[in-house]
PDB file of all heavy atoms in Angstrom:
ATOM      1  N   THR A   1      23.858 -32.024 -26.173  1.00  0.00           N
ATOM      2  CA  THR A   1      22.724 -31.185 -25.778  1.00  0.00           C
ATOM      3  C   THR A   1      23.198 -29.811 -25.334  1.00  0.00           C
ATOM      4  O   THR A   1      22.598 -28.795 -25.689  1.00  0.00           O
ATOM      5  CB  THR A   1      21.912 -31.865 -24.658  1.00  0.00           C
ATOM      6  OG1 THR A   1      21.456 -33.131 -25.125  1.00  0.00           O
ATOM      7  CG2 THR A   1      20.729 -31.014 -24.242  1.00  0.00           C
ATOM      8  N   VAL A   2      24.277 -29.758 -24.584  1.00  0.00           N
ATOM      9  CA  VAL A   2      24.818 -28.473 -24.139  1.00  0.00           C
ATOM     10  C   VAL A   2      25.292 -27.664 -25.341  1.00  0.00           C
ATOM     11  O   VAL A   2      25.066 -26.457 -25.408  1.00  0.00           O
ATOM     12  CB  VAL A   2      25.960 -28.662 -23.113  1.00  0.00           C
ATOM     13  CG1 VAL A   2      26.565 -27.320 -22.739  1.00  0.00           C
ATOM     14  CG2 VAL A   2      25.454 -29.363 -21.861  1.00  0.00           C
ATOM     15  N   HIS A   3      25.908 -28.322 -26.307  1.00  0.00           N
ATOM     16  CA  HIS A   3      26.353 -27.618 -27.508  1.00  0.00           C
ATOM     17  C   HIS A   3      25.163 -27.077 -28.312  1.00  0.00           C
ATOM     18  O   HIS A   3      25.234 -25.971 -28.849  1.00  0.00           O
ATOM     19  CB  HIS A   3      27.236 -28.505 -28.380  1.00  0.00           C
ATOM     20  CG  HIS A   3      28.620 -28.663 -27.842  1.00  0.00           C
ATOM     21  ND1 HIS A   3      29.504 -27.609 -27.744  1.00  0.00           N
ATOM     22  CD2 HIS A   3      29.281 -29.746 -27.360  1.00  0.00           C
ATOM     23  CE1 HIS A   3      30.644 -28.040 -27.226  1.00  0.00           C
ATOM     24  NE2 HIS A   3      30.535 -29.335 -26.982  1.00  0.00           N
ATOM     25  N   GLN A   4      24.075 -27.849 -28.381  1.00  0.00           N
ATOM     26  CA  GLN A   4      22.861 -27.375 -29.047  1.00  0.00           C
ATOM     27  C   GLN A   4      22.321 -26.132 -28.336  1.00  0.00           C
ATOM     28  O   GLN A   4      21.936 -25.154 -28.981  1.00  0.00           O
ATOM     29  CB  GLN A   4      21.784 -28.449 -29.065  1.00  0.00           C
ATOM     30  CG  GLN A   4      22.057 -29.577 -30.012  1.00  0.00           C
ATOM     31  CD  GLN A   4      21.018 -30.679 -29.879  1.00  0.00           C
ATOM     32  OE1 GLN A   4      20.517 -30.972 -28.794  1.00  0.00           O
ATOM     33  NE2 GLN A   4      20.696 -31.307 -31.004  1.00  0.00           N
ATOM     34  N   ALA A   5      22.298 -26.185 -27.020  1.00  0.00           N
ATOM     35  CA  ALA A   5      21.824 -25.040 -26.241  1.00  0.00           C
ATOM     36  C   ALA A   5      22.745 -23.841 -26.440  1.00  0.00           C
ATOM     37  O   ALA A   5      22.282 -22.709 -26.579  1.00  0.00           O
ATOM     38  CB  ALA A   5      21.737 -25.409 -24.763  1.00  0.00           C
ATOM     39  N   GLN A   6      24.043 -24.085 -26.503  1.00  0.00           N
ATOM     40  CA  GLN A   6      24.999 -23.001 -26.711  1.00  0.00           C
ATOM     41  C   GLN A   6      24.795 -22.344 -28.071  1.00  0.00           C
ATOM     42  O   GLN A   6      24.920 -21.132 -28.203  1.00  0.00           O
ATOM     43  CB  GLN A   6      26.434 -23.503 -26.572  1.00  0.00           C
ATOM     44  CG  GLN A   6      27.484 -22.411 -26.689  1.00  0.00           C
ATOM     45  CD  GLN A   6      27.376 -21.363 -25.595  1.00  0.00           C
ATOM     46  OE1 GLN A   6      27.366 -21.698 -24.419  1.00  0.00           O
ATOM     47  NE2 GLN A   6      27.274 -20.106 -25.969  1.00  0.00           N
ATOM     48  N   GLU A   7      24.458 -23.138 -29.076  1.00  0.00           N
ATOM     49  CA  GLU A   7      24.164 -22.573 -30.401  1.00  0.00           C
ATOM     50  C   GLU A   7      22.983 -21.619 -30.327  1.00  0.00           C
ATOM     51  O   GLU A   7      23.008 -20.542 -30.914  1.00  0.00           O
ATOM     52  CB  GLU A   7      23.879 -23.691 -31.404  1.00  0.00           C
ATOM     53  CG  GLU A   7      25.105 -24.464 -31.815  1.00  0.00           C
ATOM     54  CD  GLU A   7      24.776 -25.650 -32.715  1.00  0.00           C
ATOM     55  OE1 GLU A   7      23.625 -25.755 -33.202  1.00  0.00           O
ATOM     56  OE2 GLU A   7      25.672 -26.480 -32.913  1.00  0.00           O
ATOM     57  N   ARG A   8      21.956 -22.004 -29.589  1.00  0.00           N
ATOM     58  CA  ARG A   8      20.790 -21.132 -29.430  1.00  0.00           C
ATOM     59  C   ARG A   8      21.171 -19.879 -28.651  1.00  0.00           C
ATOM     60  O   ARG A   8      20.735 -18.779 -28.980  1.00  0.00           O
ATOM     61  CB  ARG A   8      19.664 -21.871 -28.737  1.00  0.00           C
ATOM     62  CG  ARG A   8      18.449 -20.964 -28.566  1.00  0.00           C
ATOM     63  CD  ARG A   8      17.210 -21.696 -28.319  1.00  0.00           C
ATOM     64  NE  ARG A   8      16.891 -22.499 -29.475  1.00  0.00           N
ATOM     65  CZ  ARG A   8      15.767 -23.186 -29.586  1.00  0.00           C
ATOM     66  NH1 ARG A   8      14.888 -23.146 -28.628  1.00  0.00           N
ATOM     67  NH2 ARG A   8      15.528 -23.911 -30.646  1.00  0.00           N
ATOM     68  N   VAL A   9      21.991 -20.031 -27.635  1.00  0.00           N
ATOM     69  CA  VAL A   9      22.472 -18.872 -26.872  1.00  0.00           C
ATOM     70  C   VAL A   9      23.229 -17.928 -27.795  1.00  0.00           C
ATOM     71  O   VAL A   9      23.035 -16.705 -27.735  1.00  0.00           O
ATOM     72  CB  VAL A   9      23.360 -19.319 -25.680  1.00  0.00           C
ATOM     73  CG1 VAL A   9      24.097 -18.140 -25.072  1.00  0.00           C
ATOM     74  CG2 VAL A   9      22.518 -20.025 -24.628  1.00  0.00           C
ATOM     75  N   ASP A  10      24.063 -18.471 -28.662  1.00  0.00           N
ATOM     76  CA  ASP A  10      24.810 -17.639 -29.605  1.00  0.00           C
ATOM     77  C   ASP A  10      23.868 -16.868 -30.526  1.00  0.00           C
ATOM     78  O   ASP A  10      24.109 -15.698 -30.829  1.00  0.00           O
ATOM     79  CB  ASP A  10      25.785 -18.493 -30.421  1.00  0.00           C
ATOM     80  CG  ASP A  10      26.899 -19.085 -29.566  1.00  0.00           C
ATOM     81  OD1 ASP A  10      27.137 -18.585 -28.438  1.00  0.00           O
ATOM     82  OD2 ASP A  10      27.528 -20.063 -30.024  1.00  0.00           O
ATOM     83  N   GLU A  11      22.798 -17.520 -30.969  1.00  0.00           N
ATOM     84  CA  GLU A  11      21.806 -16.849 -31.807  1.00  0.00           C
ATOM     85  C   GLU A  11      21.130 -15.708 -31.037  1.00  0.00           C
ATOM     86  O   GLU A  11      20.924 -14.618 -31.580  1.00  0.00           O
ATOM     87  CB  GLU A  11      20.751 -17.842 -32.293  1.00  0.00           C
ATOM     88  CG  GLU A  11      21.288 -18.869 -33.262  1.00  0.00           C
ATOM     89  CD  GLU A  11      20.302 -19.987 -33.548  1.00  0.00           C
ATOM     90  OE1 GLU A  11      19.118 -19.897 -33.124  1.00  0.00           O
ATOM     91  OE2 GLU A  11      20.709 -20.975 -34.183  1.00  0.00           O
ATOM     92  N   ILE A  12      20.785 -15.962 -29.788  1.00  0.00           N
ATOM     93  CA  ILE A  12      20.140 -14.938 -28.954  1.00  0.00           C
ATOM     94  C   ILE A  12      21.103 -13.781 -28.706  1.00  0.00           C
ATOM     95  O   ILE A  12      20.727 -12.617 -28.812  1.00  0.00           O
ATOM     96  CB  ILE A  12      19.640 -15.551 -27.631  1.00  0.00           C
ATOM     97  CG1 ILE A  12      18.489 -16.524 -27.919  1.00  0.00           C
ATOM     98  CG2 ILE A  12      19.201 -14.461 -26.651  1.00  0.00           C
ATOM     99  CD1 ILE A  12      18.075 -17.379 -26.737  1.00  0.00           C
ATOM    100  N   LYS A  13      22.357 -14.099 -28.415  1.00  0.00           N
ATOM    101  CA  LYS A  13      23.356 -13.047 -28.181  1.00  0.00           C
ATOM    102  C   LYS A  13      23.561 -12.197 -29.435  1.00  0.00           C
ATOM    103  O   LYS A  13      23.762 -10.992 -29.343  1.00  0.00           O
ATOM    104  CB  LYS A  13      24.686 -13.656 -27.728  1.00  0.00           C
ATOM    105  CG  LYS A  13      24.667 -14.212 -26.317  1.00  0.00           C
ATOM    106  CD  LYS A  13      24.589 -13.079 -25.335  1.00  0.00           C
ATOM    107  CE  LYS A  13      24.782 -13.573 -23.922  1.00  0.00           C
ATOM    108  NZ  LYS A  13      24.654 -12.488 -22.971  1.00  0.00           N
ATOM    109  N   ALA A  14      23.504 -12.821 -30.610  1.00  0.00           N
ATOM    110  CA  ALA A  14      23.659 -12.071 -31.855  1.00  0.00           C
ATOM    111  C   ALA A  14      22.512 -11.092 -32.067  1.00  0.00           C
ATOM    112  O   ALA A  14      22.682 -10.046 -32.700  1.00  0.00           O
ATOM    113  CB  ALA A  14      23.750 -13.036 -33.034  1.00  0.00           C
ATOM    114  N   LEU A  15      21.355 -11.405 -31.520  1.00  0.00           N
ATOM    115  CA  LEU A  15      20.169 -10.550 -31.654  1.00  0.00           C
ATOM    116  C   LEU A  15      19.895  -9.717 -30.399  1.00  0.00           C
ATOM    117  O   LEU A  15      18.861  -9.067 -30.306  1.00  0.00           O
ATOM    118  CB  LEU A  15      18.939 -11.421 -31.947  1.00  0.00           C
ATOM    119  CG  LEU A  15      18.919 -12.129 -33.286  1.00  0.00           C
ATOM    120  CD1 LEU A  15      17.856 -13.213 -33.301  1.00  0.00           C
ATOM    121  CD2 LEU A  15      18.680 -11.117 -34.390  1.00  0.00           C
ATOM    122  N   GLN A  16      20.805  -9.751 -29.447  1.00  0.00           N
ATOM    123  CA  GLN A  16      20.531  -9.149 -28.142  1.00  0.00           C
ATOM    124  C   GLN A  16      20.165  -7.666 -28.220  1.00  0.00           C
ATOM    125  O   GLN A  16      19.244  -7.228 -27.536  1.00  0.00           O
ATOM    126  CB  GLN A  16      21.713  -9.345 -27.193  1.00  0.00           C
ATOM    127  CG  GLN A  16      21.416  -8.840 -25.793  1.00  0.00           C
ATOM    128  CD  GLN A  16      22.465  -9.274 -24.803  1.00  0.00           C
ATOM    129  OE1 GLN A  16      22.999 -10.369 -24.909  1.00  0.00           O
ATOM    130  NE2 GLN A  16      22.751  -8.423 -23.847  1.00  0.00           N
ATOM    131  N   LYS A  17      20.845  -6.903 -29.045  1.00  0.00           N
ATOM    132  CA  LYS A  17      20.523  -5.478 -29.150  1.00  0.00           C
ATOM    133  C   LYS A  17      19.088  -5.282 -29.617  1.00  0.00           C
ATOM    134  O   LYS A  17      18.363  -4.443 -29.090  1.00  0.00           O
ATOM    135  CB  LYS A  17      21.492  -4.759 -30.089  1.00  0.00           C
ATOM    136  CG  LYS A  17      22.851  -4.556 -29.493  1.00  0.00           C
ATOM    137  CD  LYS A  17      23.755  -3.775 -30.426  1.00  0.00           C
ATOM    138  CE  LYS A  17      25.128  -3.632 -29.789  1.00  0.00           C
ATOM    139  NZ  LYS A  17      26.045  -2.879 -30.633  1.00  0.00           N
ATOM    140  N   GLU A  18      18.685  -6.060 -30.600  1.00  0.00           N
ATOM    141  CA  GLU A  18      17.319  -5.962 -31.107  1.00  0.00           C
ATOM    142  C   GLU A  18      16.306  -6.433 -30.060  1.00  0.00           C
ATOM    143  O   GLU A  18      15.261  -5.806 -29.872  1.00  0.00           O
ATOM    144  CB  GLU A  18      17.178  -6.776 -32.384  1.00  0.00           C
ATOM    145  CG  GLU A  18      15.854  -6.570 -33.065  1.00  0.00           C
ATOM    146  CD  GLU A  18      15.824  -7.207 -34.442  1.00  0.00           C
ATOM    147  OE1 GLU A  18      16.878  -7.349 -35.079  1.00  0.00           O
ATOM    148  OE2 GLU A  18      14.716  -7.562 -34.862  1.00  0.00           O
ATOM    149  N   LEU A  19      16.620  -7.525 -29.375  1.00  0.00           N
ATOM    150  CA  LEU A  19      15.730  -8.031 -28.331  1.00  0.00           C
ATOM    151  C   LEU A  19      15.590  -7.013 -27.198  1.00  0.00           C
ATOM    152  O   LEU A  19      14.477  -6.766 -26.712  1.00  0.00           O
ATOM    153  CB  LEU A  19      16.250  -9.368 -27.793  1.00  0.00           C
ATOM    154  CG  LEU A  19      16.342 -10.516 -28.793  1.00  0.00           C
ATOM    155  CD1 LEU A  19      17.056 -11.702 -28.175  1.00  0.00           C
ATOM    156  CD2 LEU A  19      14.980 -10.902 -29.324  1.00  0.00           C
ATOM    157  N   ASP A  20      16.705  -6.429 -26.796  1.00  0.00           N
ATOM    158  CA  ASP A  20      16.667  -5.422 -25.729  1.00  0.00           C
ATOM    159  C   ASP A  20      15.878  -4.189 -26.155  1.00  0.00           C
ATOM    160  O   ASP A  20      15.174  -3.578 -25.349  1.00  0.00           O
ATOM    161  CB  ASP A  20      18.079  -5.033 -25.303  1.00  0.00           C
ATOM    162  CG  ASP A  20      18.779  -6.146 -24.514  1.00  0.00           C
ATOM    163  OD1 ASP A  20      18.120  -7.159 -24.182  1.00  0.00           O
ATOM    164  OD2 ASP A  20      19.977  -5.994 -24.234  1.00  0.00           O
ATOM    165  N   LYS A  21      15.968  -3.847 -27.421  1.00  0.00           N
ATOM    166  CA  LYS A  21      15.210  -2.705 -27.942  1.00  0.00           C
ATOM    167  C   LYS A  21      13.706  -2.966 -27.813  1.00  0.00           C
ATOM    168  O   LYS A  21      12.937  -2.086 -27.439  1.00  0.00           O
ATOM    169  CB  LYS A  21      15.586  -2.453 -29.407  1.00  0.00           C
ATOM    170  CG  LYS A  21      15.127  -1.113 -29.930  1.00  0.00           C
ATOM    171  CD  LYS A  21      15.474  -0.926 -31.409  1.00  0.00           C
ATOM    172  CE  LYS A  21      16.969  -1.039 -31.640  1.00  0.00           C
ATOM    173  NZ  LYS A  21      17.353  -0.775 -33.054  1.00  0.00           N
ATOM    174  N   ILE A  22      13.300  -4.199 -28.098  1.00  0.00           N
ATOM    175  CA  ILE A  22      11.891  -4.581 -27.958  1.00  0.00           C
ATOM    176  C   ILE A  22      11.463  -4.504 -26.501  1.00  0.00           C
ATOM    177  O   ILE A  22      10.380  -4.000 -26.184  1.00  0.00           O
ATOM    178  CB  ILE A  22      11.645  -5.995 -28.541  1.00  0.00           C
ATOM    179  CG1 ILE A  22      11.873  -5.988 -30.054  1.00  0.00           C
ATOM    180  CG2 ILE A  22      10.246  -6.495 -28.197  1.00  0.00           C
ATOM    181  CD1 ILE A  22      11.922  -7.365 -30.687  1.00  0.00           C
ATOM    182  N   ILE A  23      12.312  -5.004 -25.614  1.00  0.00           N
ATOM    183  CA  ILE A  23      11.995  -4.952 -24.178  1.00  0.00           C
ATOM    184  C   ILE A  23      11.862  -3.500 -23.728  1.00  0.00           C
ATOM    185  O   ILE A  23      10.910  -3.142 -23.031  1.00  0.00           O
ATOM    186  CB  ILE A  23      13.065  -5.695 -23.349  1.00  0.00           C
ATOM    187  CG1 ILE A  23      13.069  -7.185 -23.690  1.00  0.00           C
ATOM    188  CG2 ILE A  23      12.819  -5.484 -21.847  1.00  0.00           C
ATOM    189  CD1 ILE A  23      14.264  -7.952 -23.149  1.00  0.00           C
ATOM    190  N   LYS A  24      12.802  -2.656 -24.120  1.00  0.00           N
ATOM    191  CA  LYS A  24      12.765  -1.239 -23.735  1.00  0.00           C
ATOM    192  C   LYS A  24      11.496  -0.563 -24.242  1.00  0.00           C
ATOM    193  O   LYS A  24      10.883   0.231 -23.531  1.00  0.00           O
ATOM    194  CB  LYS A  24      13.996  -0.504 -24.280  1.00  0.00           C
ATOM    195  CG  LYS A  24      15.276  -0.871 -23.591  1.00  0.00           C
ATOM    196  CD  LYS A  24      16.471  -0.208 -24.266  1.00  0.00           C
ATOM    197  CE  LYS A  24      17.774  -0.721 -23.673  1.00  0.00           C
ATOM    198  NZ  LYS A  24      18.953  -0.157 -24.337  1.00  0.00           N
ATOM    199  N   LYS A  25      11.121  -0.880 -25.454  1.00  0.00           N
ATOM    200  CA  LYS A  25       9.957  -0.257 -26.073  1.00  0.00           C
ATOM    201  C   LYS A  25       8.660  -0.645 -25.366  1.00  0.00           C
ATOM    202  O   LYS A  25       7.755   0.171 -25.220  1.00  0.00           O
ATOM    203  CB  LYS A  25       9.887  -0.664 -27.541  1.00  0.00           C
ATOM    204  CG  LYS A  25       8.724  -0.101 -28.299  1.00  0.00           C
ATOM    205  CD  LYS A  25       8.751  -0.578 -29.736  1.00  0.00           C
ATOM    206  CE  LYS A  25       7.487  -0.171 -30.463  1.00  0.00           C
ATOM    207  NZ  LYS A  25       7.453  -0.702 -31.826  1.00  0.00           N
ATOM    208  N   THR A  26       8.579  -1.890 -24.923  1.00  0.00           N
ATOM    209  CA  THR A  26       7.333  -2.380 -24.330  1.00  0.00           C
ATOM    210  C   THR A  26       7.276  -2.258 -22.817  1.00  0.00           C
ATOM    211  O   THR A  26       6.210  -2.390 -22.236  1.00  0.00           O
ATOM    212  CB  THR A  26       7.077  -3.842 -24.730  1.00  0.00           C
ATOM    213  OG1 THR A  26       8.194  -4.636 -24.356  1.00  0.00           O
ATOM    214  CG2 THR A  26       6.838  -3.965 -26.212  1.00  0.00           C
TER     215      THR A  26
END
């Protein structure tokens, strides 16, 4: 379960710049 969660964290980290851009914009 922790490894599954870590995979999702890795996906989020890979998109972090884009996610942060959305946060900044809104």
